[in-house]
Amino acid sequence: MIFGLMIFGIPAMVIAEKKGFKGARWLLAFGLIGLIIVCVLPSAKKRGIDYGQAKKRAAVANSIGAWLCGANALILFISLIALVFIRQNQIGPN
């Protein structure tokens, strides 16, 4: 998990912040998938767009980042619960 965070999460966070998005939402945004998505989203800091359009772009990107982060957290939670049950079944009843 730490390896994936360093390889995909930190670059996604940096790119998101440079584009005017909330970087923390992209830190755990589903690894490589999140990195690719943040790279293709239009920047909220692009020259030539008005303030309203920039706010809308940032809001959409921040929502996507939050959903990806939430999905990642849900999968992690389910994996941990499954791991606990598997371990209990391997140990057996006392």
Protein backbone atom coordinates (compact mmCIF):
# COMPACT_ATOMS: atom_id res chain seq x y z
CA MET A 1 0.00 0.00 0.00
CA ILE A 2 2.80 2.42 0.84
CA PHE A 3 4.52 1.57 -2.44
CA GLY A 4 1.33 2.32 -4.40
CA LEU A 5 0.88 5.54 -2.49
CA MET A 6 4.39 6.71 -3.36
CA ILE A 7 4.20 5.63 -7.00
CA PHE A 8 0.66 6.77 -7.87
CA GLY A 9 -0.88 8.73 -4.99
CA ILE A 10 1.72 11.42 -4.48
CA PRO A 11 2.04 12.26 -8.20
CA ALA A 12 -1.77 12.34 -8.51
CA MET A 13 -1.94 14.71 -5.53
CA VAL A 14 0.71 17.03 -6.98
CA ILE A 15 -0.94 17.10 -10.42
CA ALA A 16 -4.34 17.74 -8.84
CA GLU A 17 -3.01 20.69 -6.84
CA LYS A 18 -1.31 22.16 -9.91
CA LYS A 19 -4.62 21.94 -11.77
CA GLY A 20 -6.49 23.71 -8.96
CA PHE A 21 -8.07 20.65 -7.34
CA LYS A 22 -7.94 19.45 -3.73
CA GLY A 23 -4.86 17.25 -3.60
CA ALA A 24 -5.85 15.27 -0.50
CA ARG A 25 -8.83 13.82 -2.37
CA TRP A 26 -6.50 12.46 -5.02
CA LEU A 27 -3.87 11.00 -2.69
CA LEU A 28 -5.76 7.72 -2.22
CA ALA A 29 -7.77 7.91 -5.45
CA PHE A 30 -7.47 4.32 -6.66
CA GLY A 31 -3.81 4.21 -7.67
CA LEU A 32 -3.01 4.16 -11.37
CA ILE A 33 -6.66 4.70 -12.31
CA GLY A 34 -6.80 7.89 -10.24
CA LEU A 35 -3.50 9.10 -11.67
CA ILE A 36 -4.74 8.63 -15.23
CA ILE A 37 -8.05 10.32 -14.50
CA VAL A 38 -6.48 13.36 -12.84
CA CYS A 39 -4.12 13.69 -15.81
CA VAL A 40 -6.94 13.85 -18.35
CA LEU A 41 -9.26 16.16 -16.42
CA PRO A 42 -9.29 19.75 -17.67
CA SER A 43 -7.44 22.19 -15.43
CA ALA A 44 -9.31 24.71 -13.31
CA LYS A 45 -6.33 27.06 -13.65
CA LYS A 46 -6.28 27.17 -17.44
CA ARG A 47 -5.95 30.65 -18.89
CA GLY A 48 -8.91 31.95 -20.81
CA ILE A 49 -11.70 30.38 -18.75
CA ASP A 50 -13.94 32.43 -16.52
CA TYR A 51 -14.22 32.07 -12.76
CA GLY A 52 -17.51 30.16 -12.89
CA GLN A 53 -16.15 27.58 -15.31
CA ALA A 54 -12.99 27.17 -13.21
CA LYS A 55 -15.09 26.57 -10.07
CA LYS A 56 -17.23 24.03 -11.94
CA ARG A 57 -14.15 22.15 -13.22
CA ALA A 58 -12.67 22.07 -9.72
CA ALA A 59 -15.95 20.88 -8.19
CA VAL A 60 -16.30 18.04 -10.72
CA ALA A 61 -12.67 16.97 -10.27
CA ASN A 62 -12.92 17.12 -6.48
CA SER A 63 -16.08 15.00 -6.57
CA ILE A 64 -14.41 12.40 -8.78
CA GLY A 65 -11.38 12.33 -6.49
CA ALA A 66 -13.59 11.92 -3.42
CA TRP A 67 -15.56 9.06 -5.01
CA LEU A 68 -12.38 7.26 -6.04
CA CYS A 69 -10.88 7.74 -2.59
CA GLY A 70 -14.08 6.46 -0.98
CA ALA A 71 -14.16 3.41 -3.26
CA ASN A 72 -10.54 2.70 -2.38
CA ALA A 73 -11.30 2.98 1.34
CA LEU A 74 -14.33 0.68 0.99
CA ILE A 75 -12.29 -1.97 -0.82
CA LEU A 76 -9.59 -1.73 1.83
CA PHE A 77 -12.18 -2.11 4.61
CA ILE A 78 -13.79 -5.13 2.94
CA SER A 79 -10.36 -6.69 2.40
CA LEU A 80 -9.46 -6.25 6.07
CA ILE A 81 -12.75 -7.76 7.22
CA ALA A 82 -12.24 -10.71 4.86
CA LEU A 83 -8.71 -11.16 6.14
CA VAL A 84 -9.92 -11.27 9.75
CA PHE A 85 -12.54 -13.92 8.91
CA ILE A 86 -10.05 -16.00 6.94
CA ARG A 87 -7.58 -15.89 9.82
CA GLN A 88 -10.27 -16.92 12.28
CA ASN A 89 -11.27 -19.87 10.14
CA GLN A 90 -7.64 -21.00 9.78
CA ILE A 91 -7.10 -20.96 13.53
CA GLY A 92 -10.32 -22.86 14.17
CA PRO A 93 -12.45 -23.05 17.31
CA ASN A 94 -10.70 -23.33 20.67
